[in-house]
């Protein structure tokens, strides 16, 4: 066998191993390994914000902070792309404002596109070879609505205006994730101590099934922590 032919075969084998999606589908490699759905608790967010939230009333349900593509070894932010950014949200704007709101602004049926364009530019464009912006935002809302986290909390006797342990919250969430671990975040408040701020659920690349969330950057609250779950903004 000639040297050139051996080199060509070796190159093909390397491509098959490193970039199977590209080799078999003609698409470039995905570039990320899983999706993170960040769900924030608005009363906690607004209690901790240095600037007063413009949203009145503050939503009394979990809302989307983000649906972010990520890797196990490093975080993805501001992925490079030569695509012109155009987030068309006119026909889903009202639903976005409810499920994925800018809490610093009042409710509206025509939310500011700039808020969502920045979200897409910072995080979601990392998945632009799989989803269009509209598909991505729609997927985030679909995943959020299919898992009523507040209802899960209530079913497991985790209520607003009470303290609960992180281990208890984790156990309740694992009921809907098939025992796949979430990440539960908290932040310190001068009056109430640790507030429950966010729950992160992890999914496969297309959001079809849950995956185990890893926490290489240590963002989860320690399991022994008791967190306060505020019903309204603490002033």
Foldseek 3Di string as FASTA:
>chain_A
DDPVVVVVVVVLVVCCVPFVCCNPPVFGRLQFWWKKWKWWQFLQVQQPDPDHFAEPPGDQFIATQAIFTAHPPDGAWQDDDPDDDDQDCLVPQLVCCVRVNPRNHYHDSHDDVVVLSNRCRTGVVSRCSPDRSVRRSVLSSVLPVVCRLQVLCVVLVNDAQDKDFLLSSQVSVCVVQVNAGKAWAWDQDPPFGTAGTIIMWMGGPRRPHTHHDDDPPPRGDPRGDIHHYHSHHDD
